[in-house]
mmCIF file of all heavy atoms, coordinates in Angstrom:
data_MODEL
# 
_entry.id   MODEL 
# 
loop_
_atom_site.group_PDB 
_atom_site.id 
_atom_site.type_symbol 
_atom_site.label_atom_id 
_atom_site.label_alt_id 
_atom_site.label_comp_id 
_atom_site.label_asym_id 
_atom_site.label_entity_id 
_atom_site.label_seq_id 
_atom_site.pdbx_PDB_ins_code 
_atom_site.Cartn_x 
_atom_site.Cartn_y 
_atom_site.Cartn_z 
_atom_site.occupancy 
_atom_site.B_iso_or_equiv 
_atom_site.pdbx_formal_charge 
_atom_site.auth_seq_id 
_atom_site.auth_comp_id 
_atom_site.auth_asym_id 
_atom_site.auth_atom_id 
_atom_site.pdbx_PDB_model_num 
ATOM 1   N N   . LYS A 1 1  ? 0.817  -1.206 0.000   1.00 0.00 ? 1  LYS A N   1 
ATOM 2   C CA  . LYS A 1 1  ? -0.001 0.001  0.000   1.00 0.00 ? 1  LYS A CA  1 
ATOM 3   C C   . LYS A 1 1  ? 0.860  1.270  0.000   1.00 0.00 ? 1  LYS A C   1 
ATOM 4   O O   . LYS A 1 1  ? 0.575  2.223  -0.737  1.00 0.00 ? 1  LYS A O   1 
ATOM 5   C CB  . LYS A 1 1  ? -0.938 0.002  1.207   1.00 0.00 ? 1  LYS A CB  1 
ATOM 6   C CG  . LYS A 1 1  ? -1.898 1.190  1.216   1.00 0.00 ? 1  LYS A CG  1 
ATOM 7   C CD  . LYS A 1 1  ? -2.875 1.103  2.375   1.00 0.00 ? 1  LYS A CD  1 
ATOM 8   C CE  . LYS A 1 1  ? -3.828 2.297  2.378   1.00 0.00 ? 1  LYS A CE  1 
ATOM 9   N NZ  . LYS A 1 1  ? -4.793 2.219  3.509   1.00 0.00 ? 1  LYS A NZ  1 
ATOM 10  N N   . ASN A 1 2  ? 1.936  1.304  0.818   1.00 0.00 ? 2  ASN A N   1 
ATOM 11  C CA  . ASN A 1 2  ? 2.751  2.518  0.877   1.00 0.00 ? 2  ASN A CA  1 
ATOM 12  C C   . ASN A 1 2  ? 3.496  2.758  -0.428  1.00 0.00 ? 2  ASN A C   1 
ATOM 13  O O   . ASN A 1 2  ? 3.751  3.903  -0.825  1.00 0.00 ? 2  ASN A O   1 
ATOM 14  C CB  . ASN A 1 2  ? 3.716  2.485  2.061   1.00 0.00 ? 2  ASN A CB  1 
ATOM 15  C CG  . ASN A 1 2  ? 4.714  1.348  1.997   1.00 0.00 ? 2  ASN A CG  1 
ATOM 16  O OD1 . ASN A 1 2  ? 4.529  0.382  1.251   1.00 0.00 ? 2  ASN A OD1 1 
ATOM 17  N ND2 . ASN A 1 2  ? 5.766  1.454  2.786   1.00 0.00 ? 2  ASN A ND2 1 
ATOM 18  N N   . VAL A 1 3  ? 3.843  1.684  -1.130  1.00 0.00 ? 3  VAL A N   1 
ATOM 19  C CA  . VAL A 1 3  ? 4.491  1.811  -2.433  1.00 0.00 ? 3  VAL A CA  1 
ATOM 20  C C   . VAL A 1 3  ? 3.496  2.352  -3.464  1.00 0.00 ? 3  VAL A C   1 
ATOM 21  O O   . VAL A 1 3  ? 3.837  3.219  -4.277  1.00 0.00 ? 3  VAL A O   1 
ATOM 22  C CB  . VAL A 1 3  ? 5.057  0.446  -2.875  1.00 0.00 ? 3  VAL A CB  1 
ATOM 23  C CG1 . VAL A 1 3  ? 5.501  0.485  -4.322  1.00 0.00 ? 3  VAL A CG1 1 
ATOM 24  C CG2 . VAL A 1 3  ? 6.220  0.039  -1.968  1.00 0.00 ? 3  VAL A CG2 1 
ATOM 25  N N   . GLN A 1 4  ? 2.262  1.863  -3.409  1.00 0.00 ? 4  GLN A N   1 
ATOM 26  C CA  . GLN A 1 4  ? 1.249  2.359  -4.327  1.00 0.00 ? 4  GLN A CA  1 
ATOM 27  C C   . GLN A 1 4  ? 0.904  3.827  -4.048  1.00 0.00 ? 4  GLN A C   1 
ATOM 28  O O   . GLN A 1 4  ? 0.567  4.583  -4.975  1.00 0.00 ? 4  GLN A O   1 
ATOM 29  C CB  . GLN A 1 4  ? -0.010 1.491  -4.232  1.00 0.00 ? 4  GLN A CB  1 
ATOM 30  C CG  . GLN A 1 4  ? 0.207  0.060  -4.700  1.00 0.00 ? 4  GLN A CG  1 
ATOM 31  C CD  . GLN A 1 4  ? -1.073 -0.608 -5.154  1.00 0.00 ? 4  GLN A CD  1 
ATOM 32  O OE1 . GLN A 1 4  ? -1.898 0.015  -5.796  1.00 0.00 ? 4  GLN A OE1 1 
ATOM 33  N NE2 . GLN A 1 4  ? -1.215 -1.890 -4.829  1.00 0.00 ? 4  GLN A NE2 1 
ATOM 34  N N   . THR A 1 5  ? 1.008  4.236  -2.790  1.00 0.00 ? 5  THR A N   1 
ATOM 35  C CA  . THR A 1 5  ? 0.774  5.641  -2.445  1.00 0.00 ? 5  THR A CA  1 
ATOM 36  C C   . THR A 1 5  ? 1.825  6.537  -3.085  1.00 0.00 ? 5  THR A C   1 
ATOM 37  O O   . THR A 1 5  ? 1.516  7.621  -3.598  1.00 0.00 ? 5  THR A O   1 
ATOM 38  C CB  . THR A 1 5  ? 0.783  5.824  -0.920  1.00 0.00 ? 5  THR A CB  1 
ATOM 39  O OG1 . THR A 1 5  ? -0.273 5.045  -0.341  1.00 0.00 ? 5  THR A OG1 1 
ATOM 40  C CG2 . THR A 1 5  ? 0.600  7.284  -0.541  1.00 0.00 ? 5  THR A CG2 1 
ATOM 41  N N   . VAL A 1 6  ? 3.094  6.105  -3.068  1.00 0.00 ? 6  VAL A N   1 
ATOM 42  C CA  . VAL A 1 6  ? 4.149  6.855  -3.736  1.00 0.00 ? 6  VAL A CA  1 
ATOM 43  C C   . VAL A 1 6  ? 3.824  6.996  -5.218  1.00 0.00 ? 6  VAL A C   1 
ATOM 44  O O   . VAL A 1 6  ? 3.956  8.084  -5.792  1.00 0.00 ? 6  VAL A O   1 
ATOM 45  C CB  . VAL A 1 6  ? 5.518  6.163  -3.553  1.00 0.00 ? 6  VAL A CB  1 
ATOM 46  C CG1 . VAL A 1 6  ? 6.587  6.847  -4.396  1.00 0.00 ? 6  VAL A CG1 1 
ATOM 47  C CG2 . VAL A 1 6  ? 5.933  6.177  -2.084  1.00 0.00 ? 6  VAL A CG2 1 
ATOM 48  N N   . PHE A 1 7  ? 3.401  5.912  -5.827  1.00 0.00 ? 7  PHE A N   1 
ATOM 49  C CA  . PHE A 1 7  ? 3.078  5.952  -7.255  1.00 0.00 ? 7  PHE A CA  1 
ATOM 50  C C   . PHE A 1 7  ? 1.926  6.917  -7.537  1.00 0.00 ? 7  PHE A C   1 
ATOM 51  O O   . PHE A 1 7  ? 1.995  7.734  -8.460  1.00 0.00 ? 7  PHE A O   1 
ATOM 52  C CB  . PHE A 1 7  ? 2.717  4.549  -7.751  1.00 0.00 ? 7  PHE A CB  1 
ATOM 53  C CG  . PHE A 1 7  ? 2.298  4.509  -9.198  1.00 0.00 ? 7  PHE A CG  1 
ATOM 54  C CD1 . PHE A 1 7  ? 3.205  4.838  -10.198 1.00 0.00 ? 7  PHE A CD1 1 
ATOM 55  C CD2 . PHE A 1 7  ? 1.017  4.139  -9.564  1.00 0.00 ? 7  PHE A CD2 1 
ATOM 56  C CE1 . PHE A 1 7  ? 2.830  4.818  -11.539 1.00 0.00 ? 7  PHE A CE1 1 
ATOM 57  C CE2 . PHE A 1 7  ? 0.630  4.112  -10.893 1.00 0.00 ? 7  PHE A CE2 1 
ATOM 58  C CZ  . PHE A 1 7  ? 1.546  4.449  -11.881 1.00 0.00 ? 7  PHE A CZ  1 
ATOM 59  N N   . ALA A 1 8  ? 0.879  6.865  -6.724  1.00 0.00 ? 8  ALA A N   1 
ATOM 60  C CA  . ALA A 1 8  ? -0.269 7.746  -6.919  1.00 0.00 ? 8  ALA A CA  1 
ATOM 61  C C   . ALA A 1 8  ? 0.140  9.212  -6.793  1.00 0.00 ? 8  ALA A C   1 
ATOM 62  O O   . ALA A 1 8  ? -0.305 10.064 -7.578  1.00 0.00 ? 8  ALA A O   1 
ATOM 63  C CB  . ALA A 1 8  ? -1.356 7.402  -5.902  1.00 0.00 ? 8  ALA A CB  1 
ATOM 64  N N   . ASN A 1 9  ? 1.001  9.510  -5.826  1.00 0.00 ? 9  ASN A N   1 
ATOM 65  C CA  . ASN A 1 9  ? 1.464  10.886 -5.655  1.00 0.00 ? 9  ASN A CA  1 
ATOM 66  C C   . ASN A 1 9  ? 2.326  11.346 -6.826  1.00 0.00 ? 9  ASN A C   1 
ATOM 67  O O   . ASN A 1 9  ? 2.258  12.500 -7.248  1.00 0.00 ? 9  ASN A O   1 
ATOM 68  C CB  . ASN A 1 9  ? 2.254  11.008 -4.348  1.00 0.00 ? 9  ASN A CB  1 
ATOM 69  C CG  . ASN A 1 9  ? 1.372  10.881 -3.117  1.00 0.00 ? 9  ASN A CG  1 
ATOM 70  O OD1 . ASN A 1 9  ? 0.183  11.155 -3.175  1.00 0.00 ? 9  ASN A OD1 1 
ATOM 71  N ND2 . ASN A 1 9  ? 1.959  10.470 -2.005  1.00 0.00 ? 9  ASN A ND2 1 
ATOM 72  N N   . LEU A 1 10 ? 3.115  10.426 -7.350  1.00 0.00 ? 10 LEU A N   1 
ATOM 73  C CA  . LEU A 1 10 ? 3.976  10.771 -8.486  1.00 0.00 ? 10 LEU A CA  1 
ATOM 74  C C   . LEU A 1 10 ? 3.148  10.981 -9.746  1.00 0.00 ? 10 LEU A C   1 
ATOM 75  O O   . LEU A 1 10 ? 3.439  11.894 -10.542 1.00 0.00 ? 10 LEU A O   1 
ATOM 76  C CB  . LEU A 1 10 ? 5.013  9.666  -8.685  1.00 0.00 ? 10 LEU A CB  1 
ATOM 77  C CG  . LEU A 1 10 ? 6.204  9.974  -9.598  1.00 0.00 ? 10 LEU A CG  1 
ATOM 78  C CD1 . LEU A 1 10 ? 6.887  11.273 -9.184  1.00 0.00 ? 10 LEU A CD1 1 
ATOM 79  C CD2 . LEU A 1 10 ? 7.201  8.816  -9.566  1.00 0.00 ? 10 LEU A CD2 1 
ATOM 80  N N   . VAL A 1 11 ? 2.142  10.162 -9.963  1.00 0.00 ? 11 VAL A N   1 
ATOM 81  C CA  . VAL A 1 11 ? 1.237  10.337 -11.103 1.00 0.00 ? 11 VAL A CA  1 
ATOM 82  C C   . VAL A 1 11 ? 0.610  11.728 -11.063 1.00 0.00 ? 11 VAL A C   1 
ATOM 83  O O   . VAL A 1 11 ? 0.561  12.444 -12.075 1.00 0.00 ? 11 VAL A O   1 
ATOM 84  C CB  . VAL A 1 11 ? 0.135  9.254  -11.092 1.00 0.00 ? 11 VAL A CB  1 
ATOM 85  C CG1 . VAL A 1 11 ? -0.984 9.610  -12.075 1.00 0.00 ? 11 VAL A CG1 1 
ATOM 86  C CG2 . VAL A 1 11 ? 0.721  7.899  -11.432 1.00 0.00 ? 11 VAL A CG2 1 
ATOM 87  N N   . LYS A 1 12 ? 0.157  12.128 -9.887  1.00 0.00 ? 12 LYS A N   1 
ATOM 88  C CA  . LYS A 1 12 ? -0.470 13.445 -9.725  1.00 0.00 ? 12 LYS A CA  1 
ATOM 89  C C   . LYS A 1 12 ? 0.548  14.562 -9.956  1.00 0.00 ? 12 LYS A C   1 
ATOM 90  O O   . LYS A 1 12 ? 0.266  15.547 -10.641 1.00 0.00 ? 12 LYS A O   1 
ATOM 91  C CB  . LYS A 1 12 ? -1.069 13.550 -8.327  1.00 0.00 ? 12 LYS A CB  1 
ATOM 92  C CG  . LYS A 1 12 ? -1.811 14.852 -8.072  1.00 0.00 ? 12 LYS A CG  1 
ATOM 93  C CD  . LYS A 1 12 ? -2.431 14.856 -6.683  1.00 0.00 ? 12 LYS A CD  1 
ATOM 94  C CE  . LYS A 1 12 ? -3.165 16.171 -6.421  1.00 0.00 ? 12 LYS A CE  1 
ATOM 95  N NZ  . LYS A 1 12 ? -3.777 16.190 -5.053  1.00 0.00 ? 12 LYS A NZ  1 
ATOM 96  N N   . PHE A 1 13 ? 1.742  14.407 -9.388  1.00 0.00 ? 13 PHE A N   1 
ATOM 97  C CA  . PHE A 1 13 ? 2.771  15.441 -9.508  1.00 0.00 ? 13 PHE A CA  1 
ATOM 98  C C   . PHE A 1 13 ? 3.222  15.602 -10.946 1.00 0.00 ? 13 PHE A C   1 
ATOM 99  O O   . PHE A 1 13 ? 3.434  16.724 -11.431 1.00 0.00 ? 13 PHE A O   1 
ATOM 100 C CB  . PHE A 1 13 ? 3.948  15.088 -8.600  1.00 0.00 ? 13 PHE A CB  1 
ATOM 101 C CG  . PHE A 1 13 ? 5.112  16.031 -8.710  1.00 0.00 ? 13 PHE A CG  1 
ATOM 102 C CD1 . PHE A 1 13 ? 4.978  17.365 -8.352  1.00 0.00 ? 13 PHE A CD1 1 
ATOM 103 C CD2 . PHE A 1 13 ? 6.343  15.591 -9.167  1.00 0.00 ? 13 PHE A CD2 1 
ATOM 104 C CE1 . PHE A 1 13 ? 6.048  18.247 -8.456  1.00 0.00 ? 13 PHE A CE1 1 
ATOM 105 C CE2 . PHE A 1 13 ? 7.415  16.461 -9.268  1.00 0.00 ? 13 PHE A CE2 1 
ATOM 106 C CZ  . PHE A 1 13 ? 7.268  17.797 -8.912  1.00 0.00 ? 13 PHE A CZ  1 
ATOM 107 N N   . TRP A 1 14 ? 3.389  14.490 -11.665 1.00 0.00 ? 14 TRP A N   1 
ATOM 108 C CA  . TRP A 1 14 ? 3.834  14.534 -13.049 1.00 0.00 ? 14 TRP A CA  1 
ATOM 109 C C   . TRP A 1 14 ? 2.722  14.928 -14.025 1.00 0.00 ? 14 TRP A C   1 
ATOM 110 O O   . TRP A 1 14 ? 2.989  15.223 -15.192 1.00 0.00 ? 14 TRP A O   1 
ATOM 111 C CB  . TRP A 1 14 ? 4.403  13.185 -13.453 1.00 0.00 ? 14 TRP A CB  1 
ATOM 112 C CG  . TRP A 1 14 ? 5.845  12.997 -13.125 1.00 0.00 ? 14 TRP A CG  1 
ATOM 113 C CD1 . TRP A 1 14 ? 6.728  13.938 -12.699 1.00 0.00 ? 14 TRP A CD1 1 
ATOM 114 C CD2 . TRP A 1 14 ? 6.583  11.770 -13.232 1.00 0.00 ? 14 TRP A CD2 1 
ATOM 115 N NE1 . TRP A 1 14 ? 7.969  13.384 -12.529 1.00 0.00 ? 14 TRP A NE1 1 
ATOM 116 C CE2 . TRP A 1 14 ? 7.913  12.052 -12.849 1.00 0.00 ? 14 TRP A CE2 1 
ATOM 117 C CE3 . TRP A 1 14 ? 6.250  10.468 -13.601 1.00 0.00 ? 14 TRP A CE3 1 
ATOM 118 C CZ2 . TRP A 1 14 ? 8.913  11.078 -12.835 1.00 0.00 ? 14 TRP A CZ2 1 
ATOM 119 C CZ3 . TRP A 1 14 ? 7.234  9.490  -13.581 1.00 0.00 ? 14 TRP A CZ3 1 
ATOM 120 C CH2 . TRP A 1 14 ? 8.565  9.788  -13.208 1.00 0.00 ? 14 TRP A CH2 1 
ATOM 121 N N   . SER A 1 15 ? 1.474  14.855 -13.576 1.00 0.00 ? 15 SER A N   1 
ATOM 122 C CA  . SER A 1 15 ? 0.325  15.144 -14.449 1.00 0.00 ? 15 SER A CA  1 
ATOM 123 C C   . SER A 1 15 ? 0.322  14.228 -15.673 1.00 0.00 ? 15 SER A C   1 
ATOM 124 O O   . SER A 1 15 ? 0.163  14.678 -16.822 1.00 0.00 ? 15 SER A O   1 
ATOM 125 C CB  . SER A 1 15 ? 0.314  16.625 -14.888 1.00 0.00 ? 15 SER A CB  1 
ATOM 126 O OG  . SER A 1 15 ? 0.219  17.481 -13.777 1.00 0.00 ? 15 SER A OG  1 
ATOM 127 N N   . LEU A 1 16 ? 0.524  12.939 -15.415 1.00 0.00 ? 16 LEU A N   1 
ATOM 128 C CA  . LEU A 1 16 ? 0.495  11.926 -16.471 1.00 0.00 ? 16 LEU A CA  1 
ATOM 129 C C   . LEU A 1 16 ? -0.566 10.894 -16.146 1.00 0.00 ? 16 LEU A C   1 
ATOM 130 O O   . LEU A 1 16 ? -0.970 10.746 -14.985 1.00 0.00 ? 16 LEU A O   1 
ATOM 131 C CB  . LEU A 1 16 ? 1.857  11.225 -16.571 1.00 0.00 ? 16 LEU A CB  1 
ATOM 132 C CG  . LEU A 1 16 ? 3.061  12.042 -17.043 1.00 0.00 ? 16 LEU A CG  1 
ATOM 133 C CD1 . LEU A 1 16 ? 4.322  11.201 -16.933 1.00 0.00 ? 16 LEU A CD1 1 
ATOM 134 C CD2 . LEU A 1 16 ? 2.868  12.516 -18.481 1.00 0.00 ? 16 LEU A CD2 1 
ATOM 135 N N   . ASP A 1 17 ? -1.023 10.173 -17.170 1.00 0.00 ? 17 ASP A N   1 
ATOM 136 C CA  . ASP A 1 17 ? -1.910 9.057  -16.871 1.00 0.00 ? 17 ASP A CA  1 
ATOM 137 C C   . ASP A 1 17 ? -1.089 7.925  -16.262 1.00 0.00 ? 17 ASP A C   1 
ATOM 138 O O   . ASP A 1 17 ? 0.142  7.888  -16.382 1.00 0.00 ? 17 ASP A O   1 
ATOM 139 C CB  . ASP A 1 17 ? -2.659 8.586  -18.122 1.00 0.00 ? 17 ASP A CB  1 
ATOM 140 C CG  . ASP A 1 17 ? -1.740 7.980  -19.164 1.00 0.00 ? 17 ASP A CG  1 
ATOM 141 O OD1 . ASP A 1 17 ? -1.171 6.892  -18.920 1.00 0.00 ? 17 ASP A OD1 1 
ATOM 142 O OD2 . ASP A 1 17 ? -1.582 8.599  -20.232 1.00 0.00 ? 17 ASP A OD2 1 
ATOM 143 N N   . GLU A 1 18 ? -1.750 6.993  -15.597 1.00 0.00 ? 18 GLU A N   1 
ATOM 144 C CA  . GLU A 1 18 ? -1.059 5.958  -14.839 1.00 0.00 ? 18 GLU A CA  1 
ATOM 145 C C   . GLU A 1 18 ? -0.161 5.091  -15.707 1.00 0.00 ? 18 GLU A C   1 
ATOM 146 O O   . GLU A 1 18 ? 0.945  4.717  -15.290 1.00 0.00 ? 18 GLU A O   1 
ATOM 147 C CB  . GLU A 1 18 ? -2.070 5.081  -14.092 1.00 0.00 ? 18 GLU A CB  1 
ATOM 148 C CG  . GLU A 1 18 ? -2.733 5.774  -12.907 1.00 0.00 ? 18 GLU A CG  1 
ATOM 149 C CD  . GLU A 1 18 ? -3.573 4.815  -12.104 1.00 0.00 ? 18 GLU A CD  1 
ATOM 150 O OE1 . GLU A 1 18 ? -4.034 3.782  -12.672 1.00 0.00 ? 18 GLU A OE1 1 
ATOM 151 O OE2 . GLU A 1 18 ? -3.777 5.064  -10.899 1.00 0.00 ? 18 GLU A OE2 1 
ATOM 152 N N   . ASN A 1 19 ? -0.602 4.759  -16.906 1.00 0.00 ? 19 ASN A N   1 
ATOM 153 C CA  . ASN A 1 19 ? 0.195  3.873  -17.760 1.00 0.00 ? 19 ASN A CA  1 
ATOM 154 C C   . ASN A 1 19 ? 1.502  4.539  -18.191 1.00 0.00 ? 19 ASN A C   1 
ATOM 155 O O   . ASN A 1 19 ? 2.562  3.912  -18.158 1.00 0.00 ? 19 ASN A O   1 
ATOM 156 C CB  . ASN A 1 19 ? -0.619 3.450  -18.991 1.00 0.00 ? 19 ASN A CB  1 
ATOM 157 C CG  . ASN A 1 19 ? -1.651 2.407  -18.658 1.00 0.00 ? 19 ASN A CG  1 
ATOM 158 O OD1 . ASN A 1 19 ? -1.334 1.299  -18.237 1.00 0.00 ? 19 ASN A OD1 1 
ATOM 159 N ND2 . ASN A 1 19 ? -2.917 2.767  -18.830 1.00 0.00 ? 19 ASN A ND2 1 
ATOM 160 N N   . ASN A 1 20 ? 1.431  5.794  -18.593 1.00 0.00 ? 20 ASN A N   1 
ATOM 161 C CA  . ASN A 1 20 ? 2.655  6.500  -18.984 1.00 0.00 ? 20 ASN A CA  1 
ATOM 162 C C   . ASN A 1 20 ? 3.584  6.690  -17.792 1.00 0.00 ? 20 ASN A C   1 
ATOM 163 O O   . ASN A 1 20 ? 4.805  6.537  -17.911 1.00 0.00 ? 20 ASN A O   1 
ATOM 164 C CB  . ASN A 1 20 ? 2.302  7.857  -19.602 1.00 0.00 ? 20 ASN A CB  1 
ATOM 165 C CG  . ASN A 1 20 ? 1.776  7.733  -21.019 1.00 0.00 ? 20 ASN A CG  1 
ATOM 166 O OD1 . ASN A 1 20 ? 2.064  6.764  -21.710 1.00 0.00 ? 20 ASN A OD1 1 
ATOM 167 N ND2 . ASN A 1 20 ? 0.981  8.704  -21.449 1.00 0.00 ? 20 ASN A ND2 1 
ATOM 168 N N   . ALA A 1 21 ? 3.026  7.054  -16.651 1.00 0.00 ? 21 ALA A N   1 
ATOM 169 C CA  . ALA A 1 21 ? 3.842  7.239  -15.452 1.00 0.00 ? 21 ALA A CA  1 
ATOM 170 C C   . ALA A 1 21 ? 4.513  5.927  -15.047 1.00 0.00 ? 21 ALA A C   1 
ATOM 171 O O   . ALA A 1 21 ? 5.691  5.907  -14.665 1.00 0.00 ? 21 ALA A O   1 
ATOM 172 C CB  . ALA A 1 21 ? 2.991  7.779  -14.310 1.00 0.00 ? 21 ALA A CB  1 
ATOM 173 N N   . PHE A 1 22 ? 3.775  4.830  -15.116 1.00 0.00 ? 22 PHE A N   1 
ATOM 174 C CA  . PHE A 1 22 ? 4.331  3.521  -14.769 1.00 0.00 ? 22 PHE A CA  1 
ATOM 175 C C   . PHE A 1 22 ? 5.503  3.172  -15.676 1.00 0.00 ? 22 PHE A C   1 
ATOM 176 O O   . PHE A 1 22 ? 6.546  2.691  -15.215 1.00 0.00 ? 22 PHE A O   1 
ATOM 177 C CB  . PHE A 1 22 ? 3.234  2.455  -14.869 1.00 0.00 ? 22 PHE A CB  1 
ATOM 178 C CG  . PHE A 1 22 ? 3.683  1.071  -14.514 1.00 0.00 ? 22 PHE A CG  1 
ATOM 179 C CD1 . PHE A 1 22 ? 3.851  0.708  -13.185 1.00 0.00 ? 22 PHE A CD1 1 
ATOM 180 C CD2 . PHE A 1 22 ? 3.924  0.124  -15.504 1.00 0.00 ? 22 PHE A CD2 1 
ATOM 181 C CE1 . PHE A 1 22 ? 4.263  -0.580 -12.845 1.00 0.00 ? 22 PHE A CE1 1 
ATOM 182 C CE2 . PHE A 1 22 ? 4.340  -1.155 -15.172 1.00 0.00 ? 22 PHE A CE2 1 
ATOM 183 C CZ  . PHE A 1 22 ? 4.504  -1.506 -13.842 1.00 0.00 ? 22 PHE A CZ  1 
ATOM 184 N N   . SER A 1 23 ? 5.349  3.441  -16.963 1.00 0.00 ? 23 SER A N   1 
ATOM 185 C CA  . SER A 1 23 ? 6.420  3.154  -17.920 1.00 0.00 ? 23 SER A CA  1 
ATOM 186 C C   . SER A 1 23 ? 7.672  3.961  -17.592 1.00 0.00 ? 23 SER A C   1 
ATOM 187 O O   . SER A 1 23 ? 8.794  3.434  -17.635 1.00 0.00 ? 23 SER A O   1 
ATOM 188 C CB  . SER A 1 23 ? 5.934  3.470  -19.333 1.00 0.00 ? 23 SER A CB  1 
ATOM 189 O OG  . SER A 1 23 ? 6.964  3.274  -20.283 1.00 0.00 ? 23 SER A OG  1 
ATOM 190 N N   . LEU A 1 24 ? 7.506  5.244  -17.246 1.00 0.00 ? 24 LEU A N   1 
ATOM 191 C CA  . LEU A 1 24 ? 8.662  6.070  -16.904 1.00 0.00 ? 24 LEU A CA  1 
ATOM 192 C C   . LEU A 1 24 ? 9.302  5.605  -15.599 1.00 0.00 ? 24 LEU A C   1 
ATOM 193 O O   . LEU A 1 24 ? 10.536 5.555  -15.493 1.00 0.00 ? 24 LEU A O   1 
ATOM 194 C CB  . LEU A 1 24 ? 8.242  7.540  -16.778 1.00 0.00 ? 24 LEU A CB  1 
ATOM 195 C CG  . LEU A 1 24 ? 7.700  8.243  -18.020 1.00 0.00 ? 24 LEU A CG  1 
ATOM 196 C CD1 . LEU A 1 24 ? 7.542  9.733  -17.746 1.00 0.00 ? 24 LEU A CD1 1 
ATOM 197 C CD2 . LEU A 1 24 ? 8.596  8.022  -19.229 1.00 0.00 ? 24 LEU A CD2 1 
# 
């Protein structure tokens, strides 16, 4: 859960959709 929270925050900060953010 804490790892997914980091990802969610990064997606929001980068202003990218989840798939593109995950790839980066």
